[in-house]
């Protein structure tokens, strides 16, 4: 999927202009200037784990939710609610990911260094590695990149050095959870209805471990039973993640 980050930003900010609530301007400022919402990935290893993936996914969920409500829901839902839930359900992922995968382990790094030391001096592979900075003292590849380099060194052929993959790791500065964190962040800027709070809180459905037992399991079941938007947002999220955003390879 090709992502047009500028177009997505313009579309999302335009949609938020249709939400007539105090604080919407501050929310737009947060998304545009105080967070990485428009450039962040949507996941570390799964759907849309590329730059701009979070905004793209948010739009996809909004469009899917609108389609479901228009065609399947028994009662209409205000457009502003669809915008708030679709665009804001994964606000928890802002300022959450950082570029670079997990660091290589000591054993993996030592193995890489042992293979690197065996590369003949003055040869084409040695020259390529020097040009790429792989002999620099401070160079330590991520675990993902170390694996590719180890495979390349073991082949001992004349192929080009593999490119460093775009990998992500977690840097959660506000470890509050998932749906509940999105609700909290949105509530800092705009007032939410009960229906919006519950739909966003439980948008992960049964994938949320809080749905498994105890009082939170009861709360989830009650939300699903009494607030239809809770189920509809979850379905829209799943369809976007597993249908619209699924990479198909031959």
Foldseek 3Di string as FASTA:
>chain_A
DDDDLVVLLVVLLVLLVVQPFFQSVVVNCCCPPVWQQSQQAPDFPAFRNGTRNNSVLLVLLLVLLVVCQVPPNPDHDDSNLSSCQSNQLFVQCIVWKDWAAAFADPVLQVLLVVLLVPDDPPDPVVVLCVVVVVPPPPDGHHNVLSVQSNVVSVVPDNDHRDDRDTGMDTDRPDPPDGLQSSLVVVVVRGDDDPLSSLLSNCLCPVVDVLCPDDPSVVVNVVSVVPRVSNVSSNVSSCCCRPPVRDDDDD
